[in-house]
Amino acid sequence: MKKIKLSVIFSLILFFMATTGNAADSAGITYTVSFPEAQAHYADVEMKITGLKQNTLELKMPVWTPGSYLIREFERNIETLTVTANGKEITTTKTRKNIWQLNTTGITDLTVKYRVYAFEISVRTSFIDAKHGFLSSPDIFIYPGNMLHAPSTIHIIPYKGWTSVSTSLEKVNGDSFTRYSPNYDILFDSPIEVGNPGTFLVLM
């Protein structure tokens, strides 16, 4: 009897892992980052997720950053988060300080929009002004739950006068303002500097 129960439990675990993995593998994730109010230290982020195959989805803001063991409060800089699908806004429920949950039954594609306040100079936080933007990825990019291994594409729309992007993320079709990350570990370990050649940020 115990062997049968263990076998059933093990099978259910494998089924759940396979289902979760397939849902994540089939999803496409694209970010667009713009700076309409760079002088006020804001970035606007639009995240589009396509190919969803699940009834609920969690949107998560990291509470960590590479190279640091501190618990981070990045979600405190998130403003005006909205989610839409099929032209209608979807209700989100904040279940934890850094997690928003939503019902995605019957939804395959959705768009998440939010604004990030970035005005802290350090190697692990973002800083934006009219001269340039230093994006420390963990405090800029919300990620879908159970999809840390999923690839994503990041498109940068520069503020007026900004002409370059510097990051270790590879270009897409030779476009410096469009970058690709094979998973979130690499994305969160890849800061992005947007501005002009010769503009340097002193990190303290």
N, C-alpha and C. Protein backbone atom coordinates (compact mmCIF):
# COMPACT_ATOMS: atom_id res chain seq x y z
N MET A 1 0.84 -1.21 0.00
CA MET A 1 0.00 0.00 0.00
C MET A 1 0.86 1.25 0.00
N LYS A 2 1.91 1.24 0.83
CA LYS A 2 2.78 2.39 0.92
C LYS A 2 3.49 2.62 -0.41
N LYS A 3 3.90 1.48 -1.06
CA LYS A 3 4.58 1.60 -2.33
C LYS A 3 3.67 2.21 -3.38
N ILE A 4 2.39 1.82 -3.36
CA ILE A 4 1.42 2.37 -4.31
C ILE A 4 1.23 3.86 -4.09
N LYS A 5 1.09 4.27 -2.82
CA LYS A 5 0.91 5.69 -2.50
C LYS A 5 2.11 6.50 -2.93
N LEU A 6 3.31 6.00 -2.64
CA LEU A 6 4.52 6.72 -3.03
C LEU A 6 4.61 6.85 -4.54
N SER A 7 4.21 5.79 -5.23
CA SER A 7 4.25 5.83 -6.69
C SER A 7 3.29 6.88 -7.24
N VAL A 8 2.10 6.95 -6.65
CA VAL A 8 1.10 7.94 -7.09
C VAL A 8 1.60 9.34 -6.83
N ILE A 9 2.15 9.58 -5.64
CA ILE A 9 2.67 10.91 -5.29
C ILE A 9 3.79 11.31 -6.23
N PHE A 10 4.70 10.37 -6.50
CA PHE A 10 5.82 10.66 -7.38
C PHE A 10 5.33 11.00 -8.79
N SER A 11 4.31 10.26 -9.25
CA SER A 11 3.75 10.52 -10.58
C SER A 11 3.11 11.90 -10.65
N LEU A 12 2.41 12.27 -9.57
CA LEU A 12 1.78 13.59 -9.54
C LEU A 12 2.82 14.70 -9.56
N ILE A 13 3.91 14.50 -8.83
CA ILE A 13 4.99 15.51 -8.82
C ILE A 13 5.58 15.67 -10.22
N LEU A 14 5.84 14.55 -10.89
CA LEU A 14 6.39 14.61 -12.24
C LEU A 14 5.43 15.29 -13.20
N PHE A 15 4.12 14.99 -13.03
CA PHE A 15 3.11 15.61 -13.90
C PHE A 15 3.08 17.11 -13.70
N PHE A 16 3.12 17.53 -12.44
CA PHE A 16 3.09 18.97 -12.13
C PHE A 16 4.31 19.66 -12.72
N MET A 17 5.49 19.05 -12.56
CA MET A 17 6.71 19.66 -13.08
C MET A 17 6.67 19.75 -14.59
N ALA A 18 6.15 18.71 -15.22
CA ALA A 18 6.07 18.72 -16.69
C ALA A 18 5.10 19.77 -17.18
N THR A 19 3.95 19.87 -16.50
CA THR A 19 2.93 20.85 -16.89
C THR A 19 3.45 22.27 -16.72
N THR A 20 4.08 22.54 -15.58
CA THR A 20 4.65 23.86 -15.32
C THR A 20 5.72 24.20 -16.32
N GLY A 21 6.58 23.22 -16.60
CA GLY A 21 7.66 23.46 -17.55
C GLY A 21 7.13 23.75 -18.94
N ASN A 22 6.12 22.99 -19.40
CA ASN A 22 5.56 23.22 -20.72
C ASN A 22 4.92 24.59 -20.82
N ALA A 23 4.23 25.00 -19.75
CA ALA A 23 3.59 26.32 -19.75
C ALA A 23 4.63 27.41 -19.87
N ALA A 24 5.74 27.24 -19.15
CA ALA A 24 6.79 28.25 -19.18
C ALA A 24 7.53 28.23 -20.51
N ASP A 25 7.84 27.00 -21.02
CA ASP A 25 8.61 26.89 -22.25
C ASP A 25 7.88 27.50 -23.44
N SER A 26 6.55 27.45 -23.44
CA SER A 26 5.78 27.92 -24.58
C SER A 26 5.55 29.42 -24.54
N ALA A 27 5.82 30.05 -23.42
CA ALA A 27 5.54 31.48 -23.27
C ALA A 27 6.65 32.33 -23.88
N GLY A 28 6.25 33.43 -24.52
CA GLY A 28 7.21 34.40 -25.02
C GLY A 28 7.16 35.65 -24.15
N ILE A 29 8.33 36.20 -23.81
CA ILE A 29 8.41 37.34 -22.89
C ILE A 29 9.22 38.45 -23.55
N THR A 30 8.61 39.62 -23.65
CA THR A 30 9.27 40.77 -24.26
C THR A 30 9.09 41.99 -23.37
N TYR A 31 10.17 42.72 -23.13
CA TYR A 31 10.12 43.96 -22.36
C TYR A 31 10.44 45.14 -23.27
N THR A 32 9.74 46.24 -23.04
CA THR A 32 10.09 47.52 -23.67
C THR A 32 10.31 48.53 -22.54
N VAL A 33 11.49 49.12 -22.52
CA VAL A 33 11.83 50.08 -21.47
C VAL A 33 12.00 51.45 -22.11
N SER A 34 11.26 52.43 -21.64
CA SER A 34 11.35 53.80 -22.16
C SER A 34 11.55 54.77 -21.01
N PHE A 35 11.90 56.02 -21.36
CA PHE A 35 12.25 57.01 -20.34
C PHE A 35 11.58 58.35 -20.64
N PRO A 36 10.25 58.40 -20.66
CA PRO A 36 9.56 59.65 -20.98
C PRO A 36 9.79 60.75 -19.95
N GLU A 37 10.15 60.37 -18.72
CA GLU A 37 10.44 61.35 -17.68
C GLU A 37 11.76 61.01 -17.00
N ALA A 38 12.80 60.92 -17.81
CA ALA A 38 14.12 60.60 -17.26
C ALA A 38 14.59 61.66 -16.27
N GLN A 39 14.23 62.92 -16.54
CA GLN A 39 14.66 63.99 -15.64
C GLN A 39 14.05 63.85 -14.25
N ALA A 40 12.95 63.09 -14.16
CA ALA A 40 12.30 62.84 -12.86
C ALA A 40 12.68 61.46 -12.32
N HIS A 41 13.64 60.80 -12.97
CA HIS A 41 14.22 59.54 -12.51
C HIS A 41 13.28 58.34 -12.68
N TYR A 42 12.48 58.37 -13.76
CA TYR A 42 11.54 57.28 -13.99
C TYR A 42 11.86 56.50 -15.27
N ALA A 43 11.58 55.20 -15.21
CA ALA A 43 11.55 54.35 -16.40
C ALA A 43 10.18 53.72 -16.49
N ASP A 44 9.63 53.66 -17.69
CA ASP A 44 8.38 52.96 -17.92
C ASP A 44 8.69 51.60 -18.53
N VAL A 45 8.11 50.55 -17.98
CA VAL A 45 8.36 49.20 -18.46
C VAL A 45 7.06 48.57 -18.93
N GLU A 46 7.12 48.00 -20.12
CA GLU A 46 5.99 47.23 -20.64
C GLU A 46 6.47 45.80 -20.88
N MET A 47 5.83 44.86 -20.23
CA MET A 47 6.17 43.44 -20.39
C MET A 47 5.02 42.74 -21.08
N LYS A 48 5.31 42.10 -22.20
CA LYS A 48 4.28 41.34 -22.92
C LYS A 48 4.60 39.85 -22.79
N ILE A 49 3.60 39.09 -22.38
CA ILE A 49 3.73 37.64 -22.26
C ILE A 49 2.74 37.00 -23.22
N THR A 50 3.24 36.12 -24.07
CA THR A 50 2.38 35.43 -25.03
C THR A 50 2.49 33.91 -24.83
N GLY A 51 1.48 33.20 -25.27
CA GLY A 51 1.53 31.74 -25.22
C GLY A 51 1.30 31.14 -23.84
N LEU A 52 0.58 31.85 -22.97
CA LEU A 52 0.28 31.31 -21.64
C LEU A 52 -0.65 30.11 -21.74
N LYS A 53 -0.41 29.14 -20.86
CA LYS A 53 -1.27 27.94 -20.81
C LYS A 53 -1.51 27.56 -19.36
N GLN A 54 -2.00 28.51 -18.56
CA GLN A 54 -2.24 28.25 -17.15
C GLN A 54 -3.38 29.13 -16.66
N ASN A 55 -3.98 28.72 -15.57
CA ASN A 55 -5.16 29.43 -15.07
C ASN A 55 -4.83 30.57 -14.11
N THR A 56 -3.66 30.53 -13.51
CA THR A 56 -3.23 31.62 -12.64
C THR A 56 -1.77 31.96 -12.95
N LEU A 57 -1.42 33.19 -12.67
CA LEU A 57 -0.05 33.64 -12.92
C LEU A 57 0.38 34.56 -11.79
N GLU A 58 1.61 34.39 -11.34
CA GLU A 58 2.20 35.30 -10.37
C GLU A 58 3.26 36.15 -11.05
N LEU A 59 3.18 37.44 -10.82
CA LEU A 59 4.21 38.37 -11.27
C LEU A 59 5.08 38.70 -10.06
N LYS A 60 6.38 38.51 -10.20
CA LYS A 60 7.27 38.65 -9.04
C LYS A 60 8.37 39.68 -9.28
N MET A 61 8.64 40.46 -8.24
CA MET A 61 9.79 41.36 -8.26
C MET A 61 10.88 40.69 -7.42
N PRO A 62 12.09 40.59 -7.93
CA PRO A 62 13.15 39.96 -7.15
C PRO A 62 13.36 40.63 -5.80
N VAL A 63 13.74 39.83 -4.81
CA VAL A 63 14.11 40.37 -3.50
C VAL A 63 15.59 40.10 -3.26
N TRP A 64 16.30 39.81 -4.33
CA TRP A 64 17.73 39.53 -4.26
C TRP A 64 18.42 40.23 -5.42
N THR A 65 19.74 40.26 -5.37
CA THR A 65 20.54 40.74 -6.48
C THR A 65 21.86 39.99 -6.47
N PRO A 66 22.43 39.67 -7.61
CA PRO A 66 23.67 38.90 -7.65
C PRO A 66 24.79 39.56 -6.86
N GLY A 67 25.51 38.76 -6.11
CA GLY A 67 26.66 39.26 -5.34
C GLY A 67 26.31 39.86 -4.00
N SER A 68 25.05 39.75 -3.59
CA SER A 68 24.63 40.32 -2.31
C SER A 68 23.74 39.33 -1.58
N TYR A 69 23.88 39.26 -0.26
CA TYR A 69 23.07 38.35 0.54
C TYR A 69 21.94 39.06 1.29
N LEU A 70 21.75 40.34 1.01
CA LEU A 70 20.71 41.10 1.69
C LEU A 70 19.35 40.86 1.03
N ILE A 71 18.29 40.90 1.82
CA ILE A 71 16.94 40.90 1.28
C ILE A 71 16.65 42.31 0.77
N ARG A 72 16.23 42.41 -0.47
CA ARG A 72 16.02 43.71 -1.09
C ARG A 72 14.55 44.10 -1.10
N GLU A 73 14.30 45.41 -1.19
CA GLU A 73 12.93 45.94 -1.21
C GLU A 73 12.68 46.66 -2.54
N PHE A 74 13.03 46.00 -3.63
CA PHE A 74 12.91 46.64 -4.94
C PHE A 74 11.47 47.01 -5.28
N GLU A 75 10.51 46.26 -4.76
CA GLU A 75 9.11 46.51 -5.13
C GLU A 75 8.61 47.87 -4.66
N ARG A 76 9.32 48.48 -3.70
CA ARG A 76 8.87 49.77 -3.19
C ARG A 76 8.99 50.87 -4.25
N ASN A 77 9.80 50.63 -5.29
CA ASN A 77 9.97 51.62 -6.35
C ASN A 77 9.05 51.41 -7.54
N ILE A 78 8.16 50.40 -7.43
CA ILE A 78 7.21 50.13 -8.50
C ILE A 78 5.96 50.98 -8.32
N GLU A 79 5.54 51.66 -9.39
CA GLU A 79 4.34 52.49 -9.35
C GLU A 79 3.41 52.13 -10.51
N THR A 80 2.14 52.33 -10.29
CA THR A 80 1.09 52.21 -11.32
C THR A 80 1.15 50.92 -12.12
N LEU A 81 1.19 49.78 -11.45
CA LEU A 81 1.21 48.50 -12.16
C LEU A 81 -0.20 48.16 -12.66
N THR A 82 -0.32 47.87 -13.95
CA THR A 82 -1.59 47.45 -14.53
C THR A 82 -1.35 46.26 -15.45
N VAL A 83 -2.36 45.40 -15.56
CA VAL A 83 -2.30 44.25 -16.45
C VAL A 83 -3.54 44.26 -17.34
N THR A 84 -3.35 44.09 -18.64
CA THR A 84 -4.48 44.05 -19.57
C THR A 84 -4.38 42.83 -20.48
N ALA A 85 -5.54 42.36 -20.91
CA ALA A 85 -5.62 41.25 -21.86
C ALA A 85 -6.89 41.42 -22.68
N ASN A 86 -6.80 41.23 -23.97
CA ASN A 86 -7.96 41.37 -24.86
C ASN A 86 -8.63 42.73 -24.70
N GLY A 87 -7.82 43.76 -24.47
CA GLY A 87 -8.35 45.10 -24.36
C GLY A 87 -9.00 45.45 -23.04
N LYS A 88 -8.94 44.54 -22.06
CA LYS A 88 -9.56 44.78 -20.76
C LYS A 88 -8.53 44.65 -19.64
N GLU A 89 -8.72 45.46 -18.61
CA GLU A 89 -7.81 45.39 -17.46
C GLU A 89 -8.14 44.18 -16.60
N ILE A 90 -7.10 43.50 -16.13
CA ILE A 90 -7.25 42.33 -15.28
C ILE A 90 -6.95 42.73 -13.84
N THR A 91 -7.78 42.26 -12.94
CA THR A 91 -7.56 42.55 -11.52
C THR A 91 -6.35 41.78 -11.00
N THR A 92 -5.49 42.47 -10.30
CA THR A 92 -4.34 41.83 -9.68
C THR A 92 -4.49 41.88 -8.16
N THR A 93 -4.05 40.82 -7.50
CA THR A 93 -4.09 40.76 -6.04
C THR A 93 -2.66 40.65 -5.52
N LYS A 94 -2.28 41.58 -4.67
CA LYS A 94 -0.94 41.54 -4.11
C LYS A 94 -0.95 40.58 -2.93
N THR A 95 -0.36 39.39 -3.14
CA THR A 95 -0.38 38.35 -2.11
C THR A 95 0.80 38.46 -1.15
N ARG A 96 1.89 39.06 -1.60
CA ARG A 96 3.05 39.34 -0.76
C ARG A 96 3.62 40.67 -1.22
N LYS A 97 4.60 41.17 -0.50
CA LYS A 97 5.10 42.51 -0.82
C LYS A 97 5.65 42.61 -2.24
N ASN A 98 6.13 41.49 -2.79
CA ASN A 98 6.75 41.51 -4.12
C ASN A 98 6.05 40.62 -5.13
N ILE A 99 4.81 40.18 -4.83
CA ILE A 99 4.11 39.24 -5.70
C ILE A 99 2.70 39.73 -6.00
N TRP A 100 2.35 39.78 -7.29
CA TRP A 100 1.01 40.10 -7.74
C TRP A 100 0.44 38.86 -8.42
N GLN A 101 -0.75 38.45 -8.02
CA GLN A 101 -1.37 37.25 -8.59
C GLN A 101 -2.57 37.64 -9.43
N LEU A 102 -2.79 36.92 -10.54
CA LEU A 102 -3.92 37.22 -11.38
C LEU A 102 -4.49 35.94 -12.00
N ASN A 103 -5.76 36.02 -12.32
CA ASN A 103 -6.46 34.90 -12.95
C ASN A 103 -6.24 34.97 -14.45
N THR A 104 -5.66 33.92 -15.03
CA THR A 104 -5.40 33.91 -16.47
C THR A 104 -6.18 32.80 -17.18
N THR A 105 -7.27 32.38 -16.59
CA THR A 105 -8.11 31.36 -17.24
C THR A 105 -8.59 31.87 -18.60
N GLY A 106 -8.30 31.11 -19.65
CA GLY A 106 -8.73 31.50 -20.99
C GLY A 106 -7.90 32.59 -21.62
N ILE A 107 -6.81 33.02 -20.95
CA ILE A 107 -5.97 34.10 -21.46
C ILE A 107 -4.63 33.52 -21.93
N THR A 108 -4.25 33.84 -23.15
CA THR A 108 -2.96 33.38 -23.67
C THR A 108 -1.94 34.51 -23.75
N ASP A 109 -2.42 35.74 -23.96
CA ASP A 109 -1.52 36.89 -24.10
C ASP A 109 -1.94 38.00 -23.14
N LEU A 110 -0.96 38.64 -22.53
CA LEU A 110 -1.28 39.78 -21.66
C LEU A 110 -0.14 40.78 -21.67
N THR A 111 -0.47 41.99 -21.23
CA THR A 111 0.50 43.08 -21.17
C THR A 111 0.54 43.65 -19.76
N VAL A 112 1.74 43.77 -19.22
CA VAL A 112 1.95 44.34 -17.89
C VAL A 112 2.68 45.66 -18.06
N LYS A 113 2.15 46.71 -17.47
CA LYS A 113 2.79 48.02 -17.52
C LYS A 113 3.03 48.54 -16.11
N TYR A 114 4.21 49.09 -15.89
CA TYR A 114 4.51 49.68 -14.59
C TYR A 114 5.62 50.72 -14.73
N ARG A 115 5.73 51.54 -13.73
CA ARG A 115 6.74 52.60 -13.71
C ARG A 115 7.70 52.34 -12.56
N VAL A 116 8.99 52.57 -12.81
CA VAL A 116 10.03 52.34 -11.80
C VAL A 116 10.71 53.66 -11.47
N TYR A 117 10.77 53.97 -10.19
CA TYR A 117 11.53 55.14 -9.74
C TYR A 117 12.97 54.70 -9.46
N ALA A 118 13.93 55.36 -10.09
CA ALA A 118 15.33 54.93 -9.99
C ALA A 118 16.22 56.13 -9.69
N PHE A 119 16.58 56.28 -8.43
CA PHE A 119 17.39 57.44 -8.04
C PHE A 119 18.30 57.07 -6.86
N GLU A 120 19.01 55.95 -7.03
CA GLU A 120 19.94 55.51 -5.99
C GLU A 120 21.22 55.01 -6.66
N ILE A 121 22.33 55.67 -6.37
CA ILE A 121 23.59 55.31 -7.01
C ILE A 121 24.30 54.23 -6.21
N SER A 122 24.40 53.04 -6.81
CA SER A 122 25.20 51.95 -6.25
C SER A 122 25.34 50.90 -7.33
N VAL A 123 26.13 49.87 -7.09
CA VAL A 123 26.32 48.82 -8.10
C VAL A 123 25.12 47.89 -8.15
N ARG A 124 24.19 47.97 -7.20
CA ARG A 124 23.07 47.04 -7.13
C ARG A 124 21.71 47.73 -7.19
N THR A 125 21.69 49.00 -7.56
CA THR A 125 20.43 49.73 -7.72
C THR A 125 20.50 50.56 -9.00
N SER A 126 19.35 51.00 -9.47
CA SER A 126 19.27 51.75 -10.73
C SER A 126 19.29 53.25 -10.47
N PHE A 127 19.82 53.97 -11.46
CA PHE A 127 19.86 55.43 -11.38
C PHE A 127 19.55 55.99 -12.76
N ILE A 128 18.58 56.90 -12.80
CA ILE A 128 18.17 57.51 -14.07
C ILE A 128 18.09 59.02 -13.90
N ASP A 129 18.66 59.76 -14.83
CA ASP A 129 18.44 61.20 -14.92
C ASP A 129 18.48 61.58 -16.40
N ALA A 130 18.46 62.86 -16.70
CA ALA A 130 18.39 63.29 -18.09
C ALA A 130 19.66 62.97 -18.88
N LYS A 131 20.77 62.69 -18.19
CA LYS A 131 22.04 62.40 -18.87
C LYS A 131 22.18 60.95 -19.27
N HIS A 132 21.68 60.04 -18.45
CA HIS A 132 21.84 58.61 -18.76
C HIS A 132 20.97 57.77 -17.83
N GLY A 133 20.90 56.48 -18.12
CA GLY A 133 20.19 55.56 -17.25
C GLY A 133 21.05 54.34 -16.97
N PHE A 134 21.27 54.04 -15.71
CA PHE A 134 21.94 52.80 -15.31
C PHE A 134 20.87 51.88 -14.75
N LEU A 135 20.62 50.77 -15.44
CA LEU A 135 19.57 49.85 -15.04
C LEU A 135 20.18 48.61 -14.42
N SER A 136 20.00 48.47 -13.13
CA SER A 136 20.38 47.24 -12.44
C SER A 136 19.20 46.29 -12.57
N SER A 137 19.32 45.30 -13.43
CA SER A 137 18.17 44.52 -13.89
C SER A 137 17.23 43.98 -12.80
N PRO A 138 17.72 43.50 -11.65
CA PRO A 138 16.79 42.96 -10.65
C PRO A 138 15.77 43.96 -10.12
N ASP A 139 16.08 45.27 -10.14
CA ASP A 139 15.09 46.22 -9.64
C ASP A 139 14.34 46.93 -10.77
N ILE A 140 14.46 46.37 -11.99
CA ILE A 140 13.74 46.90 -13.14
C ILE A 140 12.73 45.90 -13.70
N PHE A 141 13.10 44.63 -13.75
CA PHE A 141 12.31 43.65 -14.48
C PHE A 141 11.54 42.70 -13.56
N ILE A 142 10.23 42.84 -13.57
CA ILE A 142 9.33 41.86 -12.94
C ILE A 142 9.38 40.59 -13.80
N TYR A 143 9.30 39.42 -13.16
CA TYR A 143 9.32 38.18 -13.93
C TYR A 143 8.10 37.32 -13.60
N PRO A 144 7.67 36.47 -14.55
CA PRO A 144 6.54 35.57 -14.29
C PRO A 144 6.98 34.40 -13.41
N GLY A 145 6.16 34.07 -12.43
CA GLY A 145 6.48 32.96 -11.53
C GLY A 145 6.69 31.66 -12.29
N ASN A 146 7.61 30.82 -11.80
CA ASN A 146 7.95 29.53 -12.40
C ASN A 146 8.56 29.64 -13.78
N MET A 147 9.05 30.83 -14.15
CA MET A 147 9.63 31.00 -15.48
C MET A 147 11.03 31.60 -15.44
N LEU A 148 11.77 31.37 -14.37
CA LEU A 148 13.11 31.94 -14.27
C LEU A 148 14.04 31.42 -15.37
N HIS A 149 13.74 30.26 -15.92
CA HIS A 149 14.58 29.69 -16.97
C HIS A 149 14.18 30.17 -18.35
N ALA A 150 13.10 30.95 -18.45
CA ALA A 150 12.57 31.36 -19.76
C ALA A 150 13.40 32.49 -20.37
N PRO A 151 13.55 32.49 -21.70
CA PRO A 151 14.25 33.59 -22.37
C PRO A 151 13.38 34.83 -22.48
N SER A 152 14.02 35.96 -22.70
CA SER A 152 13.27 37.21 -22.88
C SER A 152 14.04 38.13 -23.82
N THR A 153 13.29 39.04 -24.43
CA THR A 153 13.87 40.07 -25.29
C THR A 153 13.62 41.43 -24.67
N ILE A 154 14.62 42.28 -24.65
CA ILE A 154 14.51 43.61 -24.04
C ILE A 154 14.75 44.67 -25.10
N HIS A 155 13.76 45.53 -25.30
CA HIS A 155 13.89 46.63 -26.27
C HIS A 155 13.97 47.94 -25.50
N ILE A 156 15.00 48.72 -25.79
CA ILE A 156 15.22 50.00 -25.11
C ILE A 156 14.82 51.15 -26.04
N ILE A 157 13.93 52.02 -25.55
CA ILE A 157 13.60 53.26 -26.26
C ILE A 157 14.31 54.39 -25.52
N PRO A 158 15.37 54.95 -26.08
CA PRO A 158 16.19 55.91 -25.34
C PRO A 158 15.51 57.26 -25.14
N TYR A 159 15.93 57.94 -24.11
CA TYR A 159 15.52 59.33 -23.88
C TYR A 159 16.17 60.19 -24.95
N LYS A 160 15.62 61.38 -25.16
CA LYS A 160 16.13 62.26 -26.21
C LYS A 160 17.63 62.54 -26.03
N GLY A 161 18.37 62.34 -27.11
CA GLY A 161 19.81 62.60 -27.08
C GLY A 161 20.66 61.40 -26.70
N TRP A 162 20.05 60.35 -26.17
CA TRP A 162 20.82 59.15 -25.82
C TRP A 162 21.07 58.34 -27.08
N THR A 163 22.29 57.89 -27.25
CA THR A 163 22.65 57.24 -28.52
C THR A 163 23.23 55.84 -28.37
N SER A 164 23.44 55.35 -27.16
CA SER A 164 24.11 54.06 -27.03
C SER A 164 23.56 53.23 -25.88
N VAL A 165 23.76 51.93 -26.00
CA VAL A 165 23.43 50.98 -24.94
C VAL A 165 24.67 50.12 -24.68
N SER A 166 25.02 49.97 -23.40
CA SER A 166 26.15 49.11 -23.04
C SER A 166 25.66 48.04 -22.07
N THR A 167 25.83 46.78 -22.45
CA THR A 167 25.43 45.65 -21.62
C THR A 167 26.08 44.39 -22.18
N SER A 168 26.16 43.35 -21.36
CA SER A 168 26.71 42.08 -21.83
C SER A 168 25.68 41.25 -22.58
N LEU A 169 24.40 41.65 -22.54
CA LEU A 169 23.36 40.92 -23.26
C LEU A 169 23.58 41.05 -24.76
N GLU A 170 23.37 39.96 -25.50
CA GLU A 170 23.65 39.98 -26.93
C GLU A 170 22.60 40.76 -27.70
N LYS A 171 23.04 41.37 -28.80
CA LYS A 171 22.14 42.14 -29.66
C LYS A 171 21.22 41.21 -30.44
N VAL A 172 20.07 41.74 -30.82
CA VAL A 172 19.13 41.02 -31.67
C VAL A 172 19.19 41.64 -33.06
N ASN A 173 19.59 40.85 -34.05
CA ASN A 173 19.71 41.32 -35.43
C ASN A 173 20.61 42.56 -35.54
N GLY A 174 21.65 42.60 -34.71
CA GLY A 174 22.60 43.70 -34.78
C GLY A 174 22.11 45.01 -34.20
N ASP A 175 20.93 45.01 -33.58
CA ASP A 175 20.34 46.23 -33.02
C ASP A 175 20.82 46.43 -31.59
N SER A 176 21.58 47.49 -31.37
CA SER A 176 22.13 47.74 -30.04
C SER A 176 21.04 47.99 -29.01
N PHE A 177 19.88 48.48 -29.46
CA PHE A 177 18.81 48.82 -28.53
C PHE A 177 17.83 47.67 -28.29
N THR A 178 18.10 46.52 -28.88
CA THR A 178 17.30 45.33 -28.63
C THR A 178 18.22 44.20 -28.22
N ARG A 179 17.99 43.66 -27.03
CA ARG A 179 18.89 42.65 -26.46
C ARG A 179 18.13 41.38 -26.09
N TYR A 180 18.87 40.29 -25.99
CA TYR A 180 18.28 38.98 -25.71
C TYR A 180 18.95 38.34 -24.51
N SER A 181 18.13 37.75 -23.64
CA SER A 181 18.66 37.00 -22.51
C SER A 181 18.09 35.59 -22.54
N PRO A 182 18.93 34.55 -22.44
CA PRO A 182 18.43 33.17 -22.50
C PRO A 182 17.67 32.73 -21.26
N ASN A 183 17.86 33.45 -20.14
CA ASN A 183 17.13 33.15 -18.91
C ASN A 183 17.26 34.33 -17.96
N TYR A 184 16.55 34.26 -16.84
CA TYR A 184 16.55 35.39 -15.91
C TYR A 184 17.81 35.47 -15.06
N ASP A 185 18.50 34.36 -14.85
CA ASP A 185 19.76 34.42 -14.13
C ASP A 185 20.73 35.34 -14.86
N ILE A 186 20.80 35.17 -16.17
CA ILE A 186 21.69 36.02 -16.96
C ILE A 186 21.17 37.45 -17.03
N LEU A 187 19.86 37.62 -17.21
CA LEU A 187 19.30 38.97 -17.26
C LEU A 187 19.59 39.73 -15.97
N PHE A 188 19.34 39.09 -14.83
CA PHE A 188 19.53 39.77 -13.55
C PHE A 188 21.00 39.99 -13.20
N ASP A 189 21.89 39.34 -13.95
CA ASP A 189 23.33 39.53 -13.73
C ASP A 189 23.93 40.42 -14.81
N SER A 190 23.05 41.14 -15.56
CA SER A 190 23.51 41.95 -16.69
C SER A 190 22.95 43.36 -16.60
N PRO A 191 23.66 44.27 -15.94
CA PRO A 191 23.20 45.66 -15.90
C PRO A 191 23.22 46.27 -17.30
N ILE A 192 22.41 47.31 -17.47
CA ILE A 192 22.27 47.97 -18.76
C ILE A 192 22.51 49.46 -18.57
N GLU A 193 23.45 50.02 -19.32
CA GLU A 193 23.73 51.45 -19.29
C GLU A 193 23.26 52.07 -20.59
N VAL A 194 22.41 53.10 -20.49
CA VAL A 194 21.87 53.77 -21.66
C VAL A 194 22.25 55.25 -21.58
N GLY A 195 22.80 55.78 -22.64
CA GLY A 195 23.17 57.20 -22.62
C GLY A 195 24.01 57.55 -23.83
N ASN A 196 25.17 58.16 -23.57
CA ASN A 196 26.06 58.58 -24.63
C ASN A 196 27.48 58.11 -24.32
N PRO A 197 28.26 57.78 -25.36
CA PRO A 197 29.66 57.44 -25.12
C PRO A 197 30.38 58.58 -24.42
N GLY A 198 31.17 58.24 -23.43
CA GLY A 198 31.90 59.28 -22.70
C GLY A 198 31.19 59.72 -21.44
N THR A 199 29.93 59.25 -21.23
CA THR A 199 29.21 59.53 -20.00
C THR A 199 29.44 58.39 -19.03
N PHE A 200 30.05 58.66 -17.90
CA PHE A 200 30.41 57.61 -16.96
C PHE A 200 29.65 57.78 -15.67
N LEU A 201 29.30 56.65 -15.08
CA LEU A 201 28.61 56.65 -13.79
C LEU A 201 29.59 56.19 -12.73
N VAL A 202 29.79 56.99 -11.71
CA VAL A 202 30.66 56.62 -10.60
C VAL A 202 29.85 55.85 -9.58
N LEU A 203 30.17 54.58 -9.37
CA LEU A 203 29.44 53.74 -8.42
C LEU A 203 30.12 53.78 -7.06
N MET A 204 29.31 53.94 -6.03
CA MET A 204 29.85 54.09 -4.69
C MET A 204 29.41 52.93 -3.84
